[in-house]
């Protein structure tokens, strides 16, 4: 009885705290395109491309189709 309740609570917490902006992004590093202290990443899901400082990873979705208008 405790296991199903625990699973339900875990699912609810994950749903609440999951970062919505990253749900569909799957970032892949491409070392051949790195530039002066920056790492190149490309999203396998949407094709967005970004350069970030060495040792960091992209923290949000950069999909041009999701760009805020206005």
PDB file of N, CA and C in Angstrom:
ATOM      1  N   UNK A   1       0.829  -1.207   0.000  1.00  0.00           N
ATOM      2  CA  UNK A   1       0.000   0.000   0.000  1.00  0.00           C
ATOM      3  C   UNK A   1       0.866   1.261   0.000  1.00  0.00           C
ATOM      4  N   UNK A   2       1.991   1.203   0.687  1.00  0.00           N
ATOM      5  CA  UNK A   2       2.855   2.380   0.744  1.00  0.00           C
ATOM      6  C   UNK A   2       3.590   2.624  -0.578  1.00  0.00           C
ATOM      7  N   UNK A   3       3.904   1.569  -1.303  1.00  0.00           N
ATOM      8  CA  UNK A   3       4.623   1.746  -2.563  1.00  0.00           C
ATOM      9  C   UNK A   3       3.791   2.514  -3.586  1.00  0.00           C
ATOM     10  N   UNK A   4       2.528   2.182  -3.822  1.00  0.00           N
ATOM     11  CA  UNK A   4       1.743   2.974  -4.786  1.00  0.00           C
ATOM     12  C   UNK A   4       1.586   4.433  -4.362  1.00  0.00           C
ATOM     13  N   UNK A   5       1.419   4.665  -3.080  1.00  0.00           N
ATOM     14  CA  UNK A   5       1.293   6.052  -2.593  1.00  0.00           C
ATOM     15  C   UNK A   5       2.602   6.798  -2.811  1.00  0.00           C
ATOM     16  N   UNK A   6       3.713   6.142  -2.528  1.00  0.00           N
ATOM     17  CA  UNK A   6       5.025   6.761  -2.745  1.00  0.00           C
ATOM     18  C   UNK A   6       5.260   7.079  -4.210  1.00  0.00           C
ATOM     19  N   UNK A   7       4.862   6.180  -5.095  1.00  0.00           N
ATOM     20  CA  UNK A   7       5.017   6.423  -6.526  1.00  0.00           C
ATOM     21  C   UNK A   7       4.161   7.593  -6.997  1.00  0.00           C
ATOM     22  N   UNK A   8       2.965   7.692  -6.487  1.00  0.00           N
ATOM     23  CA  UNK A   8       2.076   8.811  -6.849  1.00  0.00           C
ATOM     24  C   UNK A   8       2.674  10.133  -6.382  1.00  0.00           C
ATOM     25  N   UNK A   9       3.178  10.162  -5.156  1.00  0.00           N
ATOM     26  CA  UNK A   9       3.796  11.391  -4.627  1.00  0.00           C
ATOM     27  C   UNK A   9       5.026  11.760  -5.453  1.00  0.00           C
ATOM     28  N   UNK A  10       5.859  10.773  -5.791  1.00  0.00           N
ATOM     29  CA  UNK A  10       7.046  11.045  -6.601  1.00  0.00           C
ATOM     30  C   UNK A  10       6.658  11.608  -7.966  1.00  0.00           C
ATOM     31  N   UNK A  11       5.661  11.026  -8.601  1.00  0.00           N
ATOM     32  CA  UNK A  11       5.208  11.506  -9.904  1.00  0.00           C
ATOM     33  C   UNK A  11       4.718  12.949  -9.829  1.00  0.00           C
ATOM     34  N   UNK A  12       3.953  13.268  -8.812  1.00  0.00           N
ATOM     35  CA  UNK A  12       3.433  14.630  -8.646  1.00  0.00           C
ATOM     36  C   UNK A  12       4.583  15.618  -8.434  1.00  0.00           C
ATOM     37  N   UNK A  13       5.549  15.261  -7.611  1.00  0.00           N
ATOM     38  CA  UNK A  13       6.689  16.155  -7.365  1.00  0.00           C
ATOM     39  C   UNK A  13       7.516  16.365  -8.625  1.00  0.00           C
ATOM     40  N   UNK A  14       7.725  15.320  -9.388  1.00  0.00           N
ATOM     41  CA  UNK A  14       8.461  15.462 -10.643  1.00  0.00           C
ATOM     42  C   UNK A  14       7.704  16.369 -11.602  1.00  0.00           C
ATOM     43  N   UNK A  15       6.402  16.199 -11.685  1.00  0.00           N
ATOM     44  CA  UNK A  15       5.586  17.035 -12.575  1.00  0.00           C
ATOM     45  C   UNK A  15       5.635  18.504 -12.157  1.00  0.00           C
ATOM     46  N   UNK A  16       5.684  18.763 -10.869  1.00  0.00           N
ATOM     47  CA  UNK A  16       5.695  20.144 -10.372  1.00  0.00           C
ATOM     48  C   UNK A  16       7.050  20.802 -10.595  1.00  0.00           C
ATOM     49  N   UNK A  17       8.126  20.076 -10.305  1.00  0.00           N
ATOM     50  CA  UNK A  17       9.454  20.681 -10.324  1.00  0.00           C
ATOM     51  C   UNK A  17      10.233  20.491 -11.615  1.00  0.00           C
ATOM     52  N   UNK A  18       9.716  19.748 -12.566  1.00  0.00           N
ATOM     53  CA  UNK A  18      10.413  19.564 -13.843  1.00  0.00           C
ATOM     54  C   UNK A  18      10.462  20.892 -14.583  1.00  0.00           C
ATOM     55  N   UNK A  19      11.595  21.161 -15.205  1.00  0.00           N
ATOM     56  CA  UNK A  19      11.728  22.408 -15.965  1.00  0.00           C
ATOM     57  C   UNK A  19      11.026  22.244 -17.304  1.00  0.00           C
ATOM     58  N   UNK A  20       9.978  22.974 -17.511  1.00  0.00           N
ATOM     59  CA  UNK A  20       9.178  22.845 -18.732  1.00  0.00           C
ATOM     60  C   UNK A  20       9.945  23.238 -19.973  1.00  0.00           C
ATOM     61  N   UNK A  21      10.852  24.184 -19.838  1.00  0.00           N
ATOM     62  CA  UNK A  21      11.613  24.647 -21.001  1.00  0.00           C
ATOM     63  C   UNK A  21      12.614  23.639 -21.525  1.00  0.00           C
ATOM     64  N   UNK A  22      12.881  22.584 -20.787  1.00  0.00           N
ATOM     65  CA  UNK A  22      13.880  21.603 -21.200  1.00  0.00           C
ATOM     66  C   UNK A  22      13.286  20.236 -21.500  1.00  0.00           C
ATOM     67  N   UNK A  23      12.010  20.082 -21.422  1.00  0.00           N
ATOM     68  CA  UNK A  23      11.413  18.751 -21.560  1.00  0.00           C
ATOM     69  C   UNK A  23      11.728  18.080 -22.877  1.00  0.00           C
ATOM     70  N   UNK A  24      11.716  18.817 -23.962  1.00  0.00           N
ATOM     71  CA  UNK A  24      11.908  18.201 -25.262  1.00  0.00           C
ATOM     72  C   UNK A  24      13.331  18.322 -25.789  1.00  0.00           C
ATOM     73  N   UNK A  25      14.173  19.122 -25.138  1.00  0.00           N
ATOM     74  CA  UNK A  25      15.526  19.341 -25.641  1.00  0.00           C
ATOM     75  C   UNK A  25      16.453  18.198 -25.252  1.00  0.00           C
ATOM     76  N   UNK A  26      17.269  17.794 -26.236  1.00  0.00           N
ATOM     77  CA  UNK A  26      18.301  16.783 -26.013  1.00  0.00           C
ATOM     78  C   UNK A  26      19.587  17.342 -26.616  1.00  0.00           C
ATOM     79  N   UNK A  27      20.394  17.985 -25.781  1.00  0.00           N
ATOM     80  CA  UNK A  27      21.584  18.679 -26.238  1.00  0.00           C
ATOM     81  C   UNK A  27      22.716  17.702 -26.512  1.00  0.00           C
ATOM     82  N   UNK A  28      23.400  17.909 -27.644  1.00  0.00           N
ATOM     83  CA  UNK A  28      24.563  17.113 -28.035  1.00  0.00           C
ATOM     84  C   UNK A  28      25.736  18.061 -28.260  1.00  0.00           C
ATOM     85  N   UNK A  29      26.878  17.746 -27.642  1.00  0.00           N
ATOM     86  CA  UNK A  29      28.061  18.576 -27.787  1.00  0.00           C
ATOM     87  C   UNK A  29      28.784  18.214 -29.084  1.00  0.00           C
ATOM     88  N   UNK A  30      29.267  19.223 -29.805  1.00  0.00           N
ATOM     89  CA  UNK A  30      30.051  19.026 -31.016  1.00  0.00           C
ATOM     90  C   UNK A  30      31.385  19.735 -30.824  1.00  0.00           C
ATOM     91  N   UNK A  31      32.390  18.985 -30.409  1.00  0.00           N
ATOM     92  CA  UNK A  31      33.699  19.580 -30.108  1.00  0.00           C
ATOM     93  C   UNK A  31      34.394  20.156 -31.332  1.00  0.00           C
ATOM     94  N   UNK A  32      34.023  19.723 -32.524  1.00  0.00           N
ATOM     95  CA  UNK A  32      34.672  20.245 -33.727  1.00  0.00           C
ATOM     96  C   UNK A  32      34.271  21.694 -34.004  1.00  0.00           C
ATOM     97  N   UNK A  33      33.206  22.170 -33.386  1.00  0.00           N
ATOM     98  CA  UNK A  33      32.730  23.542 -33.620  1.00  0.00           C
ATOM     99  C   UNK A  33      32.940  24.458 -32.423  1.00  0.00           C
ATOM    100  N   UNK A  34      33.739  24.014 -31.426  1.00  0.00           N
ATOM    101  CA  UNK A  34      34.056  24.865 -30.272  1.00  0.00           C
ATOM    102  C   UNK A  34      34.831  26.101 -30.734  1.00  0.00           C
ATOM    103  N   UNK A  35      34.665  27.197 -29.984  1.00  0.00           N
ATOM    104  CA  UNK A  35      35.355  28.446 -30.300  1.00  0.00           C
ATOM    105  C   UNK A  35      35.888  29.068 -29.022  1.00  0.00           C
ATOM    106  N   UNK A  36      37.109  29.562 -29.028  1.00  0.00           N
ATOM    107  CA  UNK A  36      37.735  30.339 -27.954  1.00  0.00           C
ATOM    108  C   UNK A  36      37.055  30.240 -26.588  1.00  0.00           C
ATOM    109  N   UNK A  37      37.172  29.127 -25.915  1.00  0.00           N
ATOM    110  CA  UNK A  37      36.628  28.975 -24.569  1.00  0.00           C
ATOM    111  C   UNK A  37      35.134  28.729 -24.510  1.00  0.00           C
ATOM    112  N   UNK A  38      34.510  28.494 -25.648  1.00  0.00           N
ATOM    113  CA  UNK A  38      33.075  28.215 -25.687  1.00  0.00           C
ATOM    114  C   UNK A  38      32.843  26.835 -26.293  1.00  0.00           C
ATOM    115  N   UNK A  39      31.872  26.115 -25.765  1.00  0.00           N
ATOM    116  CA  UNK A  39      31.497  24.817 -26.291  1.00  0.00           C
ATOM    117  C   UNK A  39      30.252  24.948 -27.145  1.00  0.00           C
ATOM    118  N   UNK A  40      30.210  24.188 -28.242  1.00  0.00           N
ATOM    119  CA  UNK A  40      29.069  24.228 -29.156  1.00  0.00           C
ATOM    120  C   UNK A  40      28.129  23.072 -28.835  1.00  0.00           C
ATOM    121  N   UNK A  41      26.845  23.374 -28.704  1.00  0.00           N
ATOM    122  CA  UNK A  41      25.813  22.364 -28.488  1.00  0.00           C
ATOM    123  C   UNK A  41      24.735  22.517 -29.547  1.00  0.00           C
ATOM    124  N   UNK A  42      24.178  21.377 -29.964  1.00  0.00           N
ATOM    125  CA  UNK A  42      23.054  21.368 -30.899  1.00  0.00           C
ATOM    126  C   UNK A  42      21.973  20.466 -30.320  1.00  0.00           C
ATOM    127  N   UNK A  43      20.730  20.922 -30.361  1.00  0.00           N
ATOM    128  CA  UNK A  43      19.621  20.136 -29.831  1.00  0.00           C
ATOM    129  C   UNK A  43      19.188  19.108 -30.875  1.00  0.00           C
ATOM    130  N   UNK A  44      19.144  17.841 -30.459  1.00  0.00           N
ATOM    131  CA  UNK A  44      18.742  16.769 -31.369  1.00  0.00           C
ATOM    132  C   UNK A  44      17.250  16.812 -31.669  1.00  0.00           C
ATOM    133  N   UNK A  45      16.469  17.458 -30.824  1.00  0.00           N
ATOM    134  CA  UNK A  45      15.018  17.493 -31.007  1.00  0.00           C
ATOM    135  C   UNK A  45      14.574  18.622 -31.931  1.00  0.00           C
ATOM    136  N   UNK A  46      15.095  19.824 -31.717  1.00  0.00           N
ATOM    137  CA  UNK A  46      14.586  20.978 -32.465  1.00  0.00           C
ATOM    138  C   UNK A  46      15.611  21.617 -33.392  1.00  0.00           C
ATOM    139  N   UNK A  47      16.892  21.252 -33.256  1.00  0.00           N
ATOM    140  CA  UNK A  47      17.914  21.806 -34.131  1.00  0.00           C
ATOM    141  C   UNK A  47      18.515  23.116 -33.658  1.00  0.00           C
ATOM    142  N   UNK A  48      18.128  23.593 -32.486  1.00  0.00           N
ATOM    143  CA  UNK A  48      18.688  24.841 -31.964  1.00  0.00           C
ATOM    144  C   UNK A  48      20.178  24.671 -31.729  1.00  0.00           C
ATOM    145  N   UNK A  49      20.955  25.733 -31.950  1.00  0.00           N
ATOM    146  CA  UNK A  49      22.398  25.711 -31.763  1.00  0.00           C
ATOM    147  C   UNK A  49      22.797  26.828 -30.813  1.00  0.00           C
ATOM    148  N   UNK A  50      23.781  26.536 -29.936  1.00  0.00           N
ATOM    149  CA  UNK A  50      24.183  27.529 -28.948  1.00  0.00           C
ATOM    150  C   UNK A  50      25.632  27.284 -28.540  1.00  0.00           C
ATOM    151  N   UNK A  51      26.336  28.373 -28.226  1.00  0.00           N
ATOM    152  CA  UNK A  51      27.674  28.314 -27.656  1.00  0.00           C
ATOM    153  C   UNK A  51      27.570  28.693 -26.183  1.00  0.00           C
ATOM    154  N   UNK A  52      28.165  27.884 -25.309  1.00  0.00           N
ATOM    155  CA  UNK A  52      28.137  28.155 -23.872  1.00  0.00           C
ATOM    156  C   UNK A  52      29.563  28.079 -23.334  1.00  0.00           C
ATOM    157  N   UNK A  53      29.840  28.716 -22.181  1.00  0.00           N
ATOM    158  CA  UNK A  53      31.182  28.651 -21.598  1.00  0.00           C
ATOM    159  C   UNK A  53      31.598  27.206 -21.308  1.00  0.00           C
ATOM    160  N   UNK A  54      32.912  26.955 -21.384  1.00  0.00           N
ATOM    161  CA  UNK A  54      33.448  25.611 -21.117  1.00  0.00           C
ATOM    162  C   UNK A  54      32.977  25.101 -19.757  1.00  0.00           C
ATOM    163  N   UNK A  55      32.598  23.839 -19.710  1.00  0.00           N
ATOM    164  CA  UNK A  55      32.166  23.211 -18.471  1.00  0.00           C
ATOM    165  C   UNK A  55      30.700  23.413 -18.140  1.00  0.00           C
ATOM    166  N   UNK A  56      29.994  24.189 -18.929  1.00  0.00           N
ATOM    167  CA  UNK A  56      28.564  24.435 -18.703  1.00  0.00           C
ATOM    168  C   UNK A  56      27.758  23.702 -19.764  1.00  0.00           C
ATOM    169  N   UNK A  57      26.465  23.557 -19.512  1.00  0.00           N
ATOM    170  CA  UNK A  57      25.550  22.991 -20.498  1.00  0.00           C
ATOM    171  C   UNK A  57      24.384  23.956 -20.689  1.00  0.00           C
ATOM    172  N   UNK A  58      23.704  23.904 -21.823  1.00  0.00           N
ATOM    173  CA  UNK A  58      22.535  24.768 -22.023  1.00  0.00           C
ATOM    174  C   UNK A  58      21.485  24.489 -20.946  1.00  0.00           C
ATOM    175  N   UNK A  59      20.865  25.550 -20.445  1.00  0.00           N
ATOM    176  CA  UNK A  59      19.906  25.419 -19.348  1.00  0.00           C
ATOM    177  C   UNK A  59      18.459  25.616 -19.763  1.00  0.00           C
ATOM    178  N   UNK A  60      18.230  26.041 -20.990  1.00  0.00           N
ATOM    179  CA  UNK A  60      16.845  26.224 -21.427  1.00  0.00           C
ATOM    180  C   UNK A  60      16.744  25.947 -22.916  1.00  0.00           C
ATOM    181  N   UNK A  61      15.531  25.804 -23.383  1.00  0.00           N
ATOM    182  CA  UNK A  61      15.291  25.504 -24.783  1.00  0.00           C
ATOM    183  C   UNK A  61      15.554  26.746 -25.622  1.00  0.00           C
ATOM    184  N   UNK A  62      16.254  26.583 -26.709  1.00  0.00           N
ATOM    185  CA  UNK A  62      16.573  27.704 -27.604  1.00  0.00           C
ATOM    186  C   UNK A  62      15.913  27.520 -28.954  1.00  0.00           C
ATOM    187  N   UNK A  63      14.860  26.745 -28.998  1.00  0.00           N
ATOM    188  CA  UNK A  63      14.157  26.451 -30.244  1.00  0.00           C
ATOM    189  C   UNK A  63      13.638  27.744 -30.848  1.00  0.00           C
ATOM    190  N   UNK A  64      14.048  28.092 -32.062  1.00  0.00           N
ATOM    191  CA  UNK A  64      13.586  29.340 -32.680  1.00  0.00           C
ATOM    192  C   UNK A  64      12.072  29.369 -32.899  1.00  0.00           C
ATOM    193  N   UNK A  65      11.451  28.198 -33.007  1.00  0.00           N
ATOM    194  CA  UNK A  65       9.995  28.147 -33.175  1.00  0.00           C
ATOM    195  C   UNK A  65       9.263  28.511 -31.886  1.00  0.00           C
ATOM    196  N   UNK A  66       9.946  28.435 -30.749  1.00  0.00           N
ATOM    197  CA  UNK A  66       9.326  28.759 -29.466  1.00  0.00           C
ATOM    198  C   UNK A  66       9.666  30.177 -29.013  1.00  0.00           C
ATOM    199  N   UNK A  67      10.330  30.950 -29.849  1.00  0.00           N
ATOM    200  CA  UNK A  67      10.741  32.298 -29.476  1.00  0.00           C
ATOM    201  C   UNK A  67       9.536  33.128 -29.066  1.00  0.00           C
ATOM    202  N   UNK A  68       9.742  33.915 -28.012  1.00  0.00           N
ATOM    203  CA  UNK A  68       8.651  34.764 -27.531  1.00  0.00           C
ATOM    204  C   UNK A  68       8.436  35.912 -28.497  1.00  0.00           C
ATOM    205  N   UNK A  69       7.206  36.175 -28.781  1.00  0.00           N
ATOM    206  CA  UNK A  69       6.866  37.266 -29.700  1.00  0.00           C
ATOM    207  C   UNK A  69       6.393  38.465 -28.900  1.00  0.00           C
ATOM    208  N   UNK A  70       6.835  39.647 -29.386  1.00  0.00           N
ATOM    209  CA  UNK A  70       6.348  40.866 -28.772  1.00  0.00           C
ATOM    210  C   UNK A  70       7.268  41.402 -27.835  1.00  0.00           C
TER     211      UNK A  70
END
